[in-house]
């Protein structure tokens, strides 16, 4: 693909061999060349002057948050500079930041499609990691408090008798375009509007391969049996932290039995119908699919073309 799907264009060298060195990290947190992405309640600081872009800040701009122990993540190295994300949710009024000349905090999902692939990838990394820290302040083994280490890539239990280490998780999700001849299977989730359809999807369970997960989910939700499964592309999805694994799957049966606990409806669509649904994807009404930010949209586009 000439242009990666939204969130898949990360360009940082994550330098995992360096982020375990606390002295190196301490030095880079003070380095004037280091750049910081402030996040406020999981919204990203965006510069809206001209084309939207991340409003990267210098170390001096976020010094009070670093000194106060705010959660930070070493994102990696790019353009000869270290890049970090830092949680500045302690700001009571995000419209009145410390230095008064910051950009605007904007929801990641809404702004990411307008950014360059590399910056959208940085948002996926930053949002997923900070959200993980927000959710894991206590040890899953003994219940004691945890603290971050390795520049944000793990947390360790503060109980000296436990000291369990916890690592960020990414949940694998299979999303599949099921085809049978010249038609494809799409479903309508129980929370979808009545004229909105998408590819079937579901979490891969422990002990499953991707192919097994695809076959199980399709059978459970639609009653359709699937044979060949082919991987197409993946997408980080930071809400909160999933990896969408896009596949094409060949149906071995046609009769649909909808699981009403998962779907309102499922049906077969022709290429012409799907083409029209893609064209309608940015509209608020009408028979349509999700917009280009969604992997389902990209799978359908690839199939139609």
Protein backbone atom coordinates (compact mmCIF):
# COMPACT_ATOMS: atom_id res chain seq x y z
CA UNK A 1 0.00 0.00 0.00
CA UNK A 2 1.33 3.45 -0.90
CA UNK A 3 -0.23 5.03 2.19
CA UNK A 4 -0.71 2.95 5.33
CA UNK A 5 -4.12 2.75 6.98
CA UNK A 6 -4.68 5.22 9.84
CA UNK A 7 -2.62 4.36 12.95
CA UNK A 8 -0.39 1.92 11.02
CA UNK A 9 2.29 4.41 9.94
CA UNK A 10 4.43 4.53 13.09
CA UNK A 11 7.96 5.63 12.21
CA UNK A 12 9.81 5.72 15.54
CA UNK A 13 12.84 3.62 16.36
CA UNK A 14 11.53 2.40 19.73
CA UNK A 15 15.12 1.77 20.92
CA UNK A 16 14.06 -0.85 23.45
CA UNK A 17 17.72 -1.47 24.34
CA UNK A 18 18.00 2.13 25.58
CA UNK A 19 14.72 2.65 27.41
CA UNK A 20 15.79 0.18 30.11
CA UNK A 21 18.62 2.54 31.10
CA UNK A 22 17.17 4.97 33.70
CA UNK A 23 20.15 7.31 33.47
CA UNK A 24 19.79 7.61 29.71
CA UNK A 25 16.05 8.28 30.04
CA UNK A 26 16.67 10.89 32.76
CA UNK A 27 19.14 12.65 30.50
CA UNK A 28 16.72 12.66 27.55
CA UNK A 29 13.86 13.98 29.68
CA UNK A 30 16.01 17.08 30.23
CA UNK A 31 17.45 17.31 26.72
CA UNK A 32 16.28 20.52 24.94
CA UNK A 33 16.06 18.59 21.67
CA UNK A 34 13.56 16.05 23.06
CA UNK A 35 9.95 16.44 21.99
CA UNK A 36 6.87 15.76 24.14
CA UNK A 37 3.29 14.95 23.16
CA UNK A 38 0.99 16.12 26.01
CA UNK A 39 -2.14 14.00 26.51
CA UNK A 40 -5.06 15.28 28.58
CA UNK A 41 -7.62 12.62 29.52
CA UNK A 42 -6.44 10.66 26.47
CA UNK A 43 -6.91 13.61 24.12
CA UNK A 44 -3.85 14.72 22.16
CA UNK A 45 -2.41 18.22 21.89
CA UNK A 46 -2.86 19.30 18.27
CA UNK A 47 -1.60 22.36 16.42
CA UNK A 48 -4.46 23.57 14.20
CA UNK A 49 -2.53 26.34 12.47
CA UNK A 50 -2.38 25.24 8.85
CA UNK A 51 -2.53 21.50 8.32
CA UNK A 52 -3.30 19.77 11.65
CA UNK A 53 -0.26 18.22 13.32
CA UNK A 54 0.85 17.12 16.77
CA UNK A 55 1.84 20.11 18.88
CA UNK A 56 5.13 18.68 20.10
CA UNK A 57 6.48 20.57 23.11
CA UNK A 58 9.96 21.03 24.52
CA UNK A 59 11.17 19.71 27.87
CA UNK A 60 10.75 23.13 29.52
CA UNK A 61 7.05 23.20 28.59
CA UNK A 62 6.30 19.98 30.51
CA UNK A 63 8.92 20.22 33.26
CA UNK A 64 6.35 20.74 36.04
CA UNK A 65 4.55 17.53 35.03
CA UNK A 66 7.78 15.51 34.89
CA UNK A 67 8.81 16.82 38.30
CA UNK A 68 5.35 16.00 39.70
CA UNK A 69 5.69 12.37 38.60
CA UNK A 70 3.25 12.39 35.69
CA UNK A 71 3.14 9.20 33.64
CA UNK A 72 5.33 9.43 30.56
CA UNK A 73 6.10 7.07 27.69
CA UNK A 74 9.26 6.95 25.62
CA UNK A 75 7.84 6.70 22.10
CA UNK A 76 11.16 6.40 20.32
CA UNK A 77 13.69 8.25 18.21
CA UNK A 78 13.01 10.10 14.97
CA UNK A 79 14.76 13.01 13.23
CA UNK A 80 17.69 12.64 15.67
CA UNK A 81 15.47 13.49 18.64
CA UNK A 82 13.82 11.48 21.40
CA UNK A 83 10.02 11.66 21.51
CA UNK A 84 7.85 11.13 24.58
CA UNK A 85 4.17 11.19 25.45
CA UNK A 86 3.24 12.64 28.83
CA UNK A 87 -0.05 12.62 30.73
CA UNK A 88 -0.94 16.21 31.67
CA UNK A 89 -4.44 15.42 32.92
CA UNK A 90 -3.54 17.32 36.11
CA UNK A 91 -4.31 20.53 34.18
CA UNK A 92 -7.69 21.58 35.56
CA UNK A 93 -8.57 23.61 32.49
CA UNK A 94 -6.99 22.22 29.29
CA UNK A 95 -7.86 25.48 27.53
CA UNK A 96 -5.46 27.26 29.90
CA UNK A 97 -2.17 25.26 29.83
CA UNK A 98 0.96 26.36 31.71
CA UNK A 99 2.51 28.47 28.95
CA UNK A 100 -0.69 29.74 27.37
CA UNK A 101 0.39 29.12 23.76
CA UNK A 102 -0.42 25.44 23.38
CA UNK A 103 -2.66 24.01 20.70
CA UNK A 104 -5.95 22.23 21.42
CA UNK A 105 -6.57 18.83 23.03
CA UNK A 106 -8.58 16.77 20.54
CA UNK A 107 -10.05 13.27 20.54
CA UNK A 108 -7.59 10.89 18.88
CA UNK A 109 -10.18 9.08 16.76
CA UNK A 110 -11.48 12.30 15.22
CA UNK A 111 -8.13 13.95 14.44
CA UNK A 112 -5.97 10.96 13.40
CA UNK A 113 -7.25 10.74 9.79
CA UNK A 114 -6.16 14.34 9.23
CA UNK A 115 -2.57 13.75 10.35
CA UNK A 116 0.41 12.31 8.51
CA UNK A 117 0.77 8.50 8.82
CA UNK A 118 3.74 8.89 11.18
CA UNK A 119 1.91 11.24 13.53
CA UNK A 120 -1.24 9.10 13.55
CA UNK A 121 0.98 6.15 14.46
CA UNK A 122 2.42 8.17 17.35
CA UNK A 123 -1.10 8.86 18.61
CA UNK A 124 -1.94 5.14 18.57
CA UNK A 125 1.17 4.35 20.59
CA UNK A 126 0.70 7.21 23.05
CA UNK A 127 -3.02 6.71 23.68
CA UNK A 128 -2.77 2.95 24.15
CA UNK A 129 0.16 3.18 26.55
CA UNK A 130 -1.15 6.01 28.73
CA UNK A 131 -4.56 4.35 28.93
CA UNK A 132 -2.85 1.12 30.05
CA UNK A 133 -1.06 2.96 32.87
CA UNK A 134 -4.33 4.58 33.95
CA UNK A 135 -5.91 1.12 34.26
CA UNK A 136 -3.04 -0.69 36.02
CA UNK A 137 -2.21 1.22 39.15
CA UNK A 138 -2.54 -1.93 41.25
CA UNK A 139 -0.88 -5.35 41.09
CA UNK A 140 -3.01 -8.15 39.64
CA UNK A 141 -1.13 -10.63 41.82
CA UNK A 142 -1.39 -9.10 45.31
CA UNK A 143 -3.37 -5.86 44.94
CA UNK A 144 -0.57 -3.53 46.04
CA UNK A 145 0.29 -0.30 44.22
CA UNK A 146 2.49 -0.47 41.14
CA UNK A 147 4.90 2.06 39.67
CA UNK A 148 6.08 2.53 36.08
CA UNK A 149 9.54 1.52 34.90
CA UNK A 150 11.41 1.04 31.59
CA UNK A 151 10.26 4.49 30.42
CA UNK A 152 6.64 3.40 30.66
CA UNK A 153 6.87 -0.09 29.11
CA UNK A 154 6.22 -2.00 32.30
CA UNK A 155 4.97 -1.56 35.87
CA UNK A 156 6.37 -3.27 38.95
CA UNK A 157 4.60 -4.10 42.20
CA UNK A 158 5.83 -1.98 45.10
CA UNK A 159 5.29 -4.75 47.66
CA UNK A 160 8.77 -6.06 48.46
CA UNK A 161 7.36 -9.57 48.93
CA UNK A 162 5.77 -9.57 45.50
CA UNK A 163 7.63 -7.35 43.00
CA UNK A 164 5.57 -8.77 40.12
CA UNK A 165 6.24 -7.09 36.78
CA UNK A 166 3.33 -6.21 34.51
CA UNK A 167 3.57 -5.44 30.79
CA UNK A 168 1.20 -3.64 28.39
CA UNK A 169 -1.10 -5.94 26.48
CA UNK A 170 -2.49 -5.77 22.98
CA UNK A 171 -5.67 -7.70 22.26
CA UNK A 172 -5.76 -9.43 18.84
CA UNK A 173 -9.04 -8.99 16.97
CA UNK A 174 -9.86 -10.80 13.74
CA UNK A 175 -11.93 -8.78 11.27
CA UNK A 176 -12.96 -10.63 8.14
CA UNK A 177 -14.48 -10.06 4.75
CA UNK A 178 -16.34 -13.31 4.13
CA UNK A 179 -16.93 -13.95 0.42
CA UNK A 180 -18.88 -16.49 -1.60
CA UNK A 181 -18.49 -16.13 -5.33
CA UNK A 182 -19.38 -12.55 -6.25
CA UNK A 183 -20.99 -11.58 -2.94
CA UNK A 184 -19.80 -10.85 0.58
CA UNK A 185 -21.22 -11.23 4.08
CA UNK A 186 -21.72 -8.13 6.23
CA UNK A 187 -23.35 -7.76 9.63
CA UNK A 188 -25.14 -5.13 11.64
CA UNK A 189 -23.99 -4.94 15.26
CA UNK A 190 -26.62 -4.62 17.97
CA UNK A 191 -25.57 -1.01 18.57
CA UNK A 192 -25.30 -0.04 14.90
CA UNK A 193 -27.83 2.27 13.20
CA UNK A 194 -30.36 0.36 11.13
CA UNK A 195 -28.69 1.16 7.81
CA UNK A 196 -25.05 0.58 8.88
CA UNK A 197 -23.23 -2.68 8.10
CA UNK A 198 -19.65 -3.84 8.55
CA UNK A 199 -17.39 -6.88 8.39
CA UNK A 200 -17.78 -9.47 11.12
CA UNK A 201 -15.12 -9.30 13.84
CA UNK A 202 -14.18 -10.78 17.19
CA UNK A 203 -11.36 -11.33 19.66
CA UNK A 204 -8.93 -14.18 19.14
CA UNK A 205 -9.19 -16.46 22.17
CA UNK A 206 -6.26 -18.08 24.05
CA UNK A 207 -4.98 -21.16 22.24
CA UNK A 208 -6.47 -20.15 18.87
CA UNK A 209 -4.76 -19.42 15.59
CA UNK A 210 -5.99 -16.47 13.56
CA UNK A 211 -7.62 -18.88 11.10
CA UNK A 212 -9.43 -20.75 13.87
CA UNK A 213 -10.63 -17.50 15.40
CA UNK A 214 -12.01 -16.31 12.05
CA UNK A 215 -13.89 -19.57 11.46
CA UNK A 216 -15.31 -19.65 15.00
CA UNK A 217 -16.48 -16.03 15.01
CA UNK A 218 -18.17 -16.27 11.61
CA UNK A 219 -19.92 -19.52 12.56
CA UNK A 220 -21.03 -18.14 15.94
CA UNK A 221 -22.38 -14.86 14.60
CA UNK A 222 -23.85 -15.91 11.27
CA UNK A 223 -24.00 -19.72 11.11
CA UNK A 224 -21.78 -19.61 8.00
CA UNK A 225 -19.02 -22.20 7.71
CA UNK A 226 -15.67 -20.90 6.46
CA UNK A 227 -12.86 -22.71 4.64
CA UNK A 228 -9.80 -20.87 3.37
CA UNK A 229 -8.65 -17.85 5.42
CA UNK A 230 -6.09 -15.40 4.02
CA UNK A 231 -4.39 -12.61 5.94
CA UNK A 232 -4.56 -9.18 4.28
CA UNK A 233 -3.32 -6.40 6.58
CA UNK A 234 -3.40 -5.24 10.19
CA UNK A 235 -4.14 -2.02 12.05
CA UNK A 236 -3.30 -0.84 15.58
CA UNK A 237 -6.55 0.31 17.19
CA UNK A 238 -5.92 2.29 20.40
CA UNK A 239 -9.43 2.12 21.89
CA UNK A 240 -8.12 0.95 24.26
CA UNK A 241 -5.41 -1.28 22.74
CA UNK A 242 -6.20 -3.83 20.04
CA UNK A 243 -4.51 -5.12 16.92
CA UNK A 244 -7.06 -5.52 14.14
CA UNK A 245 -6.08 -8.47 11.93
CA UNK A 246 -7.78 -8.12 8.56
CA UNK A 247 -8.54 -11.33 6.66
CA UNK A 248 -10.47 -12.64 3.69
CA UNK A 249 -12.43 -15.82 4.31
CA UNK A 250 -14.16 -18.12 1.81
CA UNK A 251 -17.61 -19.28 2.83
CA UNK A 252 -18.53 -22.96 2.45
CA UNK A 253 -22.24 -22.38 3.08
CA UNK A 254 -24.82 -19.68 2.32
CA UNK A 255 -27.72 -20.03 4.76
CA UNK A 256 -27.46 -17.39 7.50
CA UNK A 257 -28.50 -17.96 11.12
CA UNK A 258 -28.00 -14.68 13.02
CA UNK A 259 -26.84 -14.71 16.64
CA UNK A 260 -29.18 -12.04 18.04
CA UNK A 261 -26.95 -11.46 21.06
CA UNK A 262 -24.20 -10.21 18.71
CA UNK A 263 -25.98 -8.91 15.61
CA UNK A 264 -29.25 -7.33 14.57
CA UNK A 265 -28.83 -8.63 11.06
CA UNK A 266 -26.43 -10.27 8.60
CA UNK A 267 -26.85 -10.64 4.86
CA UNK A 268 -25.07 -11.15 1.57
CA UNK A 269 -24.20 -8.08 -0.53
CA UNK A 270 -23.15 -7.74 -4.17
CA UNK A 271 -20.07 -5.81 -5.27
CA UNK A 272 -22.25 -3.01 -6.61
CA UNK A 273 -24.08 -2.72 -3.30
CA UNK A 274 -20.81 -2.60 -1.37
CA UNK A 275 -19.37 -0.03 -3.78
CA UNK A 276 -22.38 2.20 -3.12
CA UNK A 277 -22.07 1.63 0.65
CA UNK A 278 -18.43 2.73 0.53
CA UNK A 279 -19.38 5.88 -1.35
CA UNK A 280 -21.98 6.54 1.34
CA UNK A 281 -19.55 5.85 4.21
CA UNK A 282 -18.99 9.47 5.22
CA UNK A 283 -22.72 10.27 5.22
CA UNK A 284 -24.84 10.19 8.41
CA UNK A 285 -27.67 8.21 6.87
CA UNK A 286 -28.34 5.69 4.13
CA UNK A 287 -27.12 2.13 3.57
CA UNK A 288 -23.41 2.43 4.31
CA UNK A 289 -20.21 1.09 5.85
CA UNK A 290 -17.74 2.79 8.20
CA UNK A 291 -15.35 5.45 6.91
CA UNK A 292 -11.80 5.01 5.58
CA UNK A 293 -10.29 5.02 9.09
CA UNK A 294 -11.83 1.56 9.65
CA UNK A 295 -10.08 -1.62 8.50
CA UNK A 296 -13.50 -2.97 7.46
CA UNK A 297 -13.71 -0.15 4.92
CA UNK A 298 -10.28 -1.02 3.52
CA UNK A 299 -11.10 -4.73 3.24
CA UNK A 300 -14.32 -3.92 1.40
CA UNK A 301 -12.54 -1.43 -0.88
CA UNK A 302 -9.89 -3.99 -1.77
CA UNK A 303 -12.56 -6.62 -2.55
CA UNK A 304 -14.66 -4.25 -4.67
CA UNK A 305 -11.65 -3.08 -6.68
